[in-house]
Amino acid sequence: MRKWCSILALAVSLMVVPGAAKAQEGISRKQQERIQAKKAKDEKKAKARQERDDRIRHLNIQDKATRKRIKRHTKRADRRGSGPHRDGFFRRTFGG
């Protein structure tokens, strides 16, 4: 009886070991990194697209005068950079 139990235990363990080894294979690390890099790139694109669409929708809501003012200030900010704003010489001197 004990001989049969040991043979049965040996047979069951031999069947389980290949299944456990197969379960740990999965996908390679390099492939996981590629998948994660592609996912991050797609998320970054989607976020940029969403921000652009939000900006356009915000401008469409504004009236014409506000859109012109935003455009003027954006151009000035592009010329001067991201530092603090300072009016030009004539505007400071004569207050135009």
Protein backbone atom coordinates (compact mmCIF):
# COMPACT_ATOMS: atom_id res chain seq x y z
CA MET A 1 0.00 0.00 0.00
CA ARG A 2 2.77 2.42 0.88
CA LYS A 3 4.53 1.56 -2.36
CA TRP A 4 1.43 2.53 -4.35
CA CYS A 5 1.10 5.82 -2.44
CA SER A 6 4.72 6.74 -3.13
CA ILE A 7 4.35 5.85 -6.83
CA LEU A 8 1.14 7.89 -7.02
CA ALA A 9 2.82 10.88 -5.32
CA LEU A 10 5.78 10.60 -7.71
CA ALA A 11 3.47 10.48 -10.74
CA VAL A 12 1.47 13.51 -9.56
CA SER A 13 4.64 15.52 -8.88
CA LEU A 14 6.02 14.68 -12.32
CA MET A 15 2.81 15.96 -13.92
CA VAL A 16 2.78 19.18 -11.90
CA VAL A 17 6.43 20.22 -12.48
CA PRO A 18 6.20 20.80 -16.29
CA GLY A 19 3.00 22.82 -15.80
CA ALA A 20 4.66 25.03 -13.18
CA ALA A 21 7.68 25.62 -15.41
CA LYS A 22 5.45 26.50 -18.35
CA ALA A 23 3.46 28.99 -16.23
CA GLN A 24 6.59 31.00 -15.40
CA GLU A 25 7.71 31.53 -18.99
CA GLY A 26 5.36 34.41 -19.86
CA ILE A 27 6.75 37.19 -22.07
CA SER A 28 10.34 38.36 -22.04
CA ARG A 29 11.53 41.45 -20.22
CA LYS A 30 12.53 43.13 -23.48
CA GLN A 31 9.04 42.60 -24.88
CA GLN A 32 7.48 43.94 -21.67
CA GLU A 33 9.65 47.05 -21.92
CA ARG A 34 8.60 47.56 -25.55
CA ILE A 35 4.95 47.25 -24.62
CA GLN A 36 5.32 49.71 -21.75
CA ALA A 37 7.26 52.18 -23.93
CA LYS A 38 4.59 52.03 -26.63
CA LYS A 39 1.85 52.48 -24.04
CA ALA A 40 3.62 55.51 -22.53
CA LYS A 41 4.09 57.02 -26.00
CA ASP A 42 0.42 56.52 -26.86
CA GLU A 43 -0.65 58.06 -23.55
CA LYS A 44 1.60 61.07 -24.15
CA LYS A 45 0.12 61.56 -27.64
CA ALA A 46 -3.42 61.26 -26.31
CA LYS A 47 -2.71 63.78 -23.56
CA ALA A 48 -1.23 66.29 -26.03
CA ARG A 49 -4.19 65.83 -28.39
CA GLN A 50 -6.64 66.34 -25.51
CA GLU A 51 -4.87 69.52 -24.37
CA ARG A 52 -4.90 70.91 -27.90
CA ASP A 53 -8.61 70.13 -28.29
CA ASP A 54 -9.35 71.73 -24.91
CA ARG A 55 -7.45 74.88 -25.90
CA ILE A 56 -9.34 75.15 -29.18
CA ARG A 57 -12.69 74.59 -27.46
CA HIS A 58 -11.81 77.28 -24.88
CA LEU A 59 -10.99 79.78 -27.66
CA ASN A 60 -14.23 78.99 -29.48
CA ILE A 61 -16.22 79.84 -26.37
CA GLN A 62 -14.66 83.34 -26.09
CA ASP A 63 -15.98 86.37 -27.95
CA LYS A 64 -14.00 88.00 -30.76
CA ALA A 65 -12.39 90.76 -28.66
CA THR A 66 -11.17 88.26 -26.10
CA ARG A 67 -9.72 86.00 -28.81
CA LYS A 68 -7.83 88.97 -30.29
CA ARG A 69 -6.50 89.94 -26.86
CA ILE A 70 -5.36 86.36 -26.18
CA LYS A 71 -3.66 86.22 -29.58
CA ARG A 72 -1.88 89.54 -28.96
CA HIS A 73 -0.63 88.49 -25.52
CA THR A 74 0.46 85.08 -26.82
CA LYS A 75 2.55 86.71 -29.56
CA ARG A 76 4.13 89.05 -27.05
CA ALA A 77 4.91 86.16 -24.71
CA ASP A 78 6.47 84.22 -27.59
CA ARG A 79 8.72 87.14 -28.47
CA ARG A 80 9.80 87.92 -24.91
CA GLY A 81 9.99 84.39 -23.53
CA SER A 82 8.58 83.01 -20.31
CA GLY A 83 10.01 85.69 -17.99
CA PRO A 84 7.98 88.48 -16.38
CA HIS A 85 6.22 90.89 -18.74
CA ARG A 86 7.50 94.44 -19.22
CA ASP A 87 5.80 96.90 -21.54
CA GLY A 88 7.81 98.51 -24.31
CA PHE A 89 9.50 101.92 -24.02
CA PHE A 90 6.77 103.98 -25.75
CA ARG A 91 3.98 102.26 -23.86
CA ARG A 92 5.76 102.87 -20.56
CA THR A 93 6.61 106.46 -21.42
CA PHE A 94 3.40 107.63 -23.09
CA GLY A 95 0.93 105.11 -21.62
CA GLY A 96 -0.69 103.84 -24.84
